[in-house]
Amino acid sequence: MTDENDILIPISMSIILDAGNAREKSEKAMLYARNGDFDNARLYMDKARKLMQSAHQAQTEVIQKETQGENINLSLLFIHAQDTLMTIRSELIMKEKMIGLYELVNTSSSH
């Protein structure tokens, strides 16, 4: 394994862990929203977004290195990390919309 790939292992694991933790926080947010606790739902979605921002920043740093001429030998683990990041990012977008719908339904049904 080359030095270029060695650097990708911790970055890849960081992306996977941050994205996975973001998924966990967003699941808690959905539970709160289903129970009508929108303050905690927003709090947990904020936590999820911050974790996703961290994961995205790690990915962006690798991409920037390559655009600056550094030779990055992609690994299957890094590709998996990118896939995980984008999948969970899509989930977060949908969950944010669903929480908004929960709130709308909750507000409408209480009138």
N, C-alpha and C. Protein backbone atom coordinates (compact mmCIF):
# COMPACT_ATOMS: atom_id res chain seq x y z
N MET A 1 0.85 -1.17 0.00
CA MET A 1 0.00 0.00 0.00
C MET A 1 0.90 1.24 0.00
N THR A 2 0.55 2.22 -0.81
CA THR A 2 1.37 3.42 -0.92
C THR A 2 0.98 4.45 0.12
N ASP A 3 1.85 5.45 0.29
CA ASP A 3 1.58 6.52 1.25
C ASP A 3 0.31 7.29 0.89
N GLU A 4 0.06 7.46 -0.43
CA GLU A 4 -1.15 8.18 -0.84
C GLU A 4 -2.41 7.47 -0.33
N ASN A 5 -2.39 6.15 -0.38
CA ASN A 5 -3.56 5.40 0.10
C ASN A 5 -3.63 5.38 1.61
N ASP A 6 -2.48 5.38 2.28
CA ASP A 6 -2.46 5.38 3.74
C ASP A 6 -3.25 6.56 4.31
N ILE A 7 -3.13 7.72 3.67
CA ILE A 7 -3.82 8.90 4.15
C ILE A 7 -5.34 8.79 3.94
N LEU A 8 -5.74 8.02 2.95
CA LEU A 8 -7.18 7.89 2.66
C LEU A 8 -7.90 7.01 3.68
N ILE A 9 -7.20 6.12 4.33
CA ILE A 9 -7.87 5.21 5.28
C ILE A 9 -8.49 5.99 6.44
N PRO A 10 -7.75 6.82 7.17
CA PRO A 10 -8.39 7.55 8.27
C PRO A 10 -9.42 8.56 7.79
N ILE A 11 -9.18 9.17 6.63
CA ILE A 11 -10.16 10.12 6.10
C ILE A 11 -11.44 9.38 5.74
N SER A 12 -11.31 8.24 5.09
CA SER A 12 -12.48 7.45 4.71
C SER A 12 -13.27 7.01 5.94
N MET A 13 -12.55 6.54 6.96
CA MET A 13 -13.24 6.10 8.18
C MET A 13 -13.92 7.27 8.88
N SER A 14 -13.30 8.43 8.86
CA SER A 14 -13.90 9.62 9.46
C SER A 14 -15.20 9.99 8.74
N ILE A 15 -15.18 9.93 7.42
CA ILE A 15 -16.38 10.23 6.62
C ILE A 15 -17.49 9.23 6.96
N ILE A 16 -17.16 7.95 6.97
CA ILE A 16 -18.15 6.91 7.25
C ILE A 16 -18.73 7.07 8.66
N LEU A 17 -17.86 7.32 9.64
CA LEU A 17 -18.34 7.46 11.02
C LEU A 17 -19.20 8.71 11.20
N ASP A 18 -18.75 9.84 10.66
CA ASP A 18 -19.53 11.07 10.80
C ASP A 18 -20.89 10.94 10.10
N ALA A 19 -20.88 10.37 8.91
CA ALA A 19 -22.14 10.20 8.18
C ALA A 19 -23.06 9.22 8.92
N GLY A 20 -22.50 8.14 9.43
CA GLY A 20 -23.30 7.17 10.19
C GLY A 20 -23.88 7.78 11.46
N ASN A 21 -23.09 8.58 12.14
CA ASN A 21 -23.60 9.26 13.34
C ASN A 21 -24.66 10.28 12.98
N ALA A 22 -24.51 10.92 11.82
CA ALA A 22 -25.54 11.85 11.35
C ALA A 22 -26.85 11.11 11.10
N ARG A 23 -26.75 9.92 10.52
CA ARG A 23 -27.95 9.10 10.28
C ARG A 23 -28.63 8.78 11.61
N GLU A 24 -27.83 8.40 12.60
CA GLU A 24 -28.38 8.08 13.92
C GLU A 24 -29.10 9.29 14.53
N LYS A 25 -28.48 10.46 14.45
CA LYS A 25 -29.11 11.68 15.00
C LYS A 25 -30.40 12.01 14.25
N SER A 26 -30.39 11.82 12.94
CA SER A 26 -31.59 12.13 12.17
C SER A 26 -32.72 11.14 12.47
N GLU A 27 -32.37 9.91 12.80
CA GLU A 27 -33.40 8.94 13.20
C GLU A 27 -34.04 9.36 14.52
N LYS A 28 -33.23 9.85 15.45
CA LYS A 28 -33.78 10.36 16.71
C LYS A 28 -34.67 11.56 16.43
N ALA A 29 -34.25 12.41 15.52
CA ALA A 29 -35.06 13.58 15.16
C ALA A 29 -36.42 13.14 14.64
N MET A 30 -36.43 12.09 13.82
CA MET A 30 -37.71 11.60 13.29
C MET A 30 -38.60 11.07 14.41
N LEU A 31 -38.03 10.39 15.38
CA LEU A 31 -38.83 9.89 16.51
C LEU A 31 -39.44 11.05 17.29
N TYR A 32 -38.64 12.07 17.53
CA TYR A 32 -39.16 13.24 18.23
C TYR A 32 -40.29 13.89 17.42
N ALA A 33 -40.09 14.02 16.12
CA ALA A 33 -41.11 14.65 15.27
C ALA A 33 -42.40 13.84 15.27
N ARG A 34 -42.29 12.52 15.20
CA ARG A 34 -43.50 11.67 15.22
C ARG A 34 -44.28 11.85 16.51
N ASN A 35 -43.55 12.16 17.59
CA ASN A 35 -44.20 12.37 18.89
C ASN A 35 -44.56 13.82 19.15
N GLY A 36 -44.39 14.67 18.15
CA GLY A 36 -44.79 16.07 18.27
C GLY A 36 -43.79 16.96 18.98
N ASP A 37 -42.59 16.47 19.27
CA ASP A 37 -41.56 17.26 19.94
C ASP A 37 -40.64 17.86 18.88
N PHE A 38 -41.07 18.98 18.32
CA PHE A 38 -40.36 19.57 17.20
C PHE A 38 -39.11 20.34 17.62
N ASP A 39 -39.05 20.78 18.85
CA ASP A 39 -37.83 21.43 19.33
C ASP A 39 -36.67 20.42 19.34
N ASN A 40 -36.92 19.25 19.90
CA ASN A 40 -35.87 18.22 19.91
C ASN A 40 -35.61 17.67 18.51
N ALA A 41 -36.64 17.61 17.70
CA ALA A 41 -36.44 17.16 16.31
C ALA A 41 -35.48 18.10 15.60
N ARG A 42 -35.68 19.41 15.75
CA ARG A 42 -34.79 20.39 15.12
C ARG A 42 -33.38 20.31 15.72
N LEU A 43 -33.30 20.13 17.03
CA LEU A 43 -32.01 20.02 17.70
C LEU A 43 -31.20 18.85 17.14
N TYR A 44 -31.84 17.70 16.99
CA TYR A 44 -31.13 16.53 16.49
C TYR A 44 -30.82 16.64 15.00
N MET A 45 -31.66 17.31 14.24
CA MET A 45 -31.34 17.53 12.83
C MET A 45 -30.16 18.49 12.71
N ASP A 46 -30.07 19.47 13.60
CA ASP A 46 -28.90 20.36 13.60
C ASP A 46 -27.63 19.57 13.88
N LYS A 47 -27.69 18.66 14.85
CA LYS A 47 -26.53 17.82 15.15
C LYS A 47 -26.17 16.96 13.93
N ALA A 48 -27.17 16.43 13.27
CA ALA A 48 -26.93 15.60 12.09
C ALA A 48 -26.28 16.42 10.98
N ARG A 49 -26.78 17.63 10.77
CA ARG A 49 -26.21 18.49 9.73
C ARG A 49 -24.74 18.83 10.01
N LYS A 50 -24.41 19.08 11.28
CA LYS A 50 -23.02 19.39 11.63
C LYS A 50 -22.11 18.21 11.37
N LEU A 51 -22.58 17.02 11.69
CA LEU A 51 -21.79 15.81 11.40
C LEU A 51 -21.60 15.62 9.90
N MET A 52 -22.66 15.87 9.14
CA MET A 52 -22.55 15.74 7.69
C MET A 52 -21.61 16.79 7.12
N GLN A 53 -21.63 17.98 7.70
CA GLN A 53 -20.72 19.03 7.25
C GLN A 53 -19.27 18.61 7.47
N SER A 54 -19.01 17.99 8.60
CA SER A 54 -17.66 17.50 8.90
C SER A 54 -17.25 16.42 7.90
N ALA A 55 -18.14 15.49 7.62
CA ALA A 55 -17.84 14.42 6.66
C ALA A 55 -17.61 15.00 5.27
N HIS A 56 -18.43 15.94 4.89
CA HIS A 56 -18.30 16.55 3.56
C HIS A 56 -16.99 17.32 3.45
N GLN A 57 -16.60 18.00 4.52
CA GLN A 57 -15.34 18.75 4.51
C GLN A 57 -14.15 17.82 4.31
N ALA A 58 -14.18 16.67 4.97
CA ALA A 58 -13.10 15.69 4.81
C ALA A 58 -13.00 15.23 3.36
N GLN A 59 -14.14 14.96 2.76
CA GLN A 59 -14.15 14.55 1.34
C GLN A 59 -13.63 15.68 0.47
N THR A 60 -14.06 16.89 0.73
CA THR A 60 -13.66 18.05 -0.07
C THR A 60 -12.16 18.28 -0.01
N GLU A 61 -11.56 18.05 1.15
CA GLU A 61 -10.11 18.23 1.28
C GLU A 61 -9.35 17.27 0.37
N VAL A 62 -9.82 16.04 0.26
CA VAL A 62 -9.18 15.08 -0.63
C VAL A 62 -9.33 15.53 -2.08
N ILE A 63 -10.51 15.97 -2.44
CA ILE A 63 -10.75 16.42 -3.81
C ILE A 63 -9.90 17.64 -4.13
N GLN A 64 -9.78 18.56 -3.18
CA GLN A 64 -8.96 19.75 -3.40
C GLN A 64 -7.49 19.39 -3.59
N LYS A 65 -7.01 18.42 -2.84
CA LYS A 65 -5.62 17.98 -3.00
C LYS A 65 -5.39 17.49 -4.42
N GLU A 66 -6.35 16.74 -4.92
CA GLU A 66 -6.19 16.22 -6.28
C GLU A 66 -6.24 17.34 -7.31
N THR A 67 -7.13 18.32 -7.12
CA THR A 67 -7.20 19.43 -8.07
C THR A 67 -5.95 20.31 -8.02
N GLN A 68 -5.22 20.23 -6.92
CA GLN A 68 -3.96 21.00 -6.79
C GLN A 68 -2.76 20.21 -7.30
N GLY A 69 -3.04 19.07 -7.92
CA GLY A 69 -1.99 18.31 -8.55
C GLY A 69 -1.44 17.15 -7.76
N GLU A 70 -1.95 16.94 -6.55
CA GLU A 70 -1.47 15.81 -5.75
C GLU A 70 -2.08 14.52 -6.31
N ASN A 71 -1.24 13.51 -6.47
CA ASN A 71 -1.72 12.25 -7.01
C ASN A 71 -2.42 11.46 -5.91
N ILE A 72 -3.73 11.28 -6.05
CA ILE A 72 -4.52 10.53 -5.09
C ILE A 72 -4.93 9.21 -5.75
N ASN A 73 -4.46 8.11 -5.19
CA ASN A 73 -4.86 6.79 -5.68
C ASN A 73 -6.11 6.37 -4.91
N LEU A 74 -7.23 6.45 -5.58
CA LEU A 74 -8.49 6.13 -4.91
C LEU A 74 -8.51 4.68 -4.45
N SER A 75 -9.15 4.50 -3.31
CA SER A 75 -9.32 3.15 -2.77
C SER A 75 -10.80 2.81 -2.73
N LEU A 76 -11.08 1.53 -2.65
CA LEU A 76 -12.47 1.10 -2.53
C LEU A 76 -13.10 1.67 -1.26
N LEU A 77 -12.32 1.77 -0.19
CA LEU A 77 -12.84 2.32 1.06
C LEU A 77 -13.26 3.77 0.90
N PHE A 78 -12.47 4.58 0.19
CA PHE A 78 -12.82 5.99 -0.03
C PHE A 78 -14.06 6.09 -0.90
N ILE A 79 -14.16 5.25 -1.90
CA ILE A 79 -15.35 5.25 -2.76
C ILE A 79 -16.58 4.88 -1.92
N HIS A 80 -16.43 3.89 -1.05
CA HIS A 80 -17.53 3.51 -0.15
C HIS A 80 -17.90 4.69 0.76
N ALA A 81 -16.90 5.39 1.26
CA ALA A 81 -17.16 6.55 2.13
C ALA A 81 -17.94 7.61 1.39
N GLN A 82 -17.57 7.89 0.15
CA GLN A 82 -18.30 8.87 -0.64
C GLN A 82 -19.74 8.42 -0.89
N ASP A 83 -19.92 7.16 -1.18
CA ASP A 83 -21.26 6.62 -1.40
C ASP A 83 -22.09 6.75 -0.13
N THR A 84 -21.49 6.41 1.01
CA THR A 84 -22.19 6.52 2.29
C THR A 84 -22.58 7.97 2.55
N LEU A 85 -21.64 8.88 2.33
CA LEU A 85 -21.90 10.30 2.54
C LEU A 85 -23.08 10.79 1.71
N MET A 86 -23.08 10.47 0.43
CA MET A 86 -24.14 10.97 -0.44
C MET A 86 -25.48 10.31 -0.15
N THR A 87 -25.47 9.03 0.20
CA THR A 87 -26.72 8.35 0.53
C THR A 87 -27.35 8.96 1.77
N ILE A 88 -26.54 9.16 2.80
CA ILE A 88 -27.07 9.70 4.05
C ILE A 88 -27.45 11.17 3.88
N ARG A 89 -26.72 11.89 3.04
CA ARG A 89 -27.09 13.28 2.75
C ARG A 89 -28.49 13.33 2.15
N SER A 90 -28.77 12.43 1.23
CA SER A 90 -30.11 12.36 0.63
C SER A 90 -31.16 12.02 1.68
N GLU A 91 -30.82 11.10 2.57
CA GLU A 91 -31.75 10.74 3.65
C GLU A 91 -32.06 11.96 4.52
N LEU A 92 -31.03 12.73 4.85
CA LEU A 92 -31.25 13.90 5.70
C LEU A 92 -32.18 14.92 5.04
N ILE A 93 -31.98 15.12 3.75
CA ILE A 93 -32.85 16.05 3.02
C ILE A 93 -34.30 15.57 3.11
N MET A 94 -34.53 14.28 2.89
CA MET A 94 -35.89 13.74 2.96
C MET A 94 -36.46 13.82 4.38
N LYS A 95 -35.63 13.53 5.36
CA LYS A 95 -36.10 13.58 6.76
C LYS A 95 -36.46 15.00 7.17
N GLU A 96 -35.70 15.98 6.70
CA GLU A 96 -36.04 17.37 7.00
C GLU A 96 -37.41 17.71 6.43
N LYS A 97 -37.66 17.27 5.22
CA LYS A 97 -38.97 17.52 4.60
C LYS A 97 -40.08 16.78 5.36
N MET A 98 -39.80 15.56 5.78
CA MET A 98 -40.80 14.78 6.52
C MET A 98 -41.10 15.42 7.87
N ILE A 99 -40.08 15.93 8.53
CA ILE A 99 -40.30 16.59 9.82
C ILE A 99 -41.17 17.82 9.61
N GLY A 100 -40.92 18.56 8.54
CA GLY A 100 -41.77 19.70 8.21
C GLY A 100 -43.22 19.29 8.00
N LEU A 101 -43.41 18.15 7.34
CA LEU A 101 -44.77 17.64 7.13
C LEU A 101 -45.41 17.21 8.44
N TYR A 102 -44.64 16.52 9.31
CA TYR A 102 -45.15 16.15 10.63
C TYR A 102 -45.62 17.40 11.37
N GLU A 103 -44.82 18.44 11.30
CA GLU A 103 -45.16 19.67 12.01
C GLU A 103 -46.42 20.32 11.44
N LEU A 104 -46.51 20.31 10.12
CA LEU A 104 -47.69 20.87 9.47
C LEU A 104 -48.94 20.09 9.85
N VAL A 105 -48.87 18.77 9.82
CA VAL A 105 -50.01 17.92 10.18
C VAL A 105 -50.36 18.13 11.67
N ASN A 106 -49.34 18.19 12.50
CA ASN A 106 -49.56 18.37 13.94
C ASN A 106 -50.23 19.70 14.21
N THR A 107 -49.77 20.75 13.55
CA THR A 107 -50.34 22.08 13.74
C THR A 107 -51.77 22.14 13.20
N SER A 108 -52.01 21.51 12.04
CA SER A 108 -53.33 21.52 11.43
C SER A 108 -54.35 20.74 12.26
N SER A 109 -53.91 19.61 12.81
CA SER A 109 -54.85 18.77 13.56
C SER A 109 -55.15 19.33 14.96
N SER A 110 -54.31 20.24 15.45
CA SER A 110 -54.57 20.80 16.78
C SER A 110 -55.48 22.03 16.71
N HIS A 111 -55.88 22.42 15.51
CA HIS A 111 -56.79 23.57 15.36
C HIS A 111 -58.21 23.12 15.19
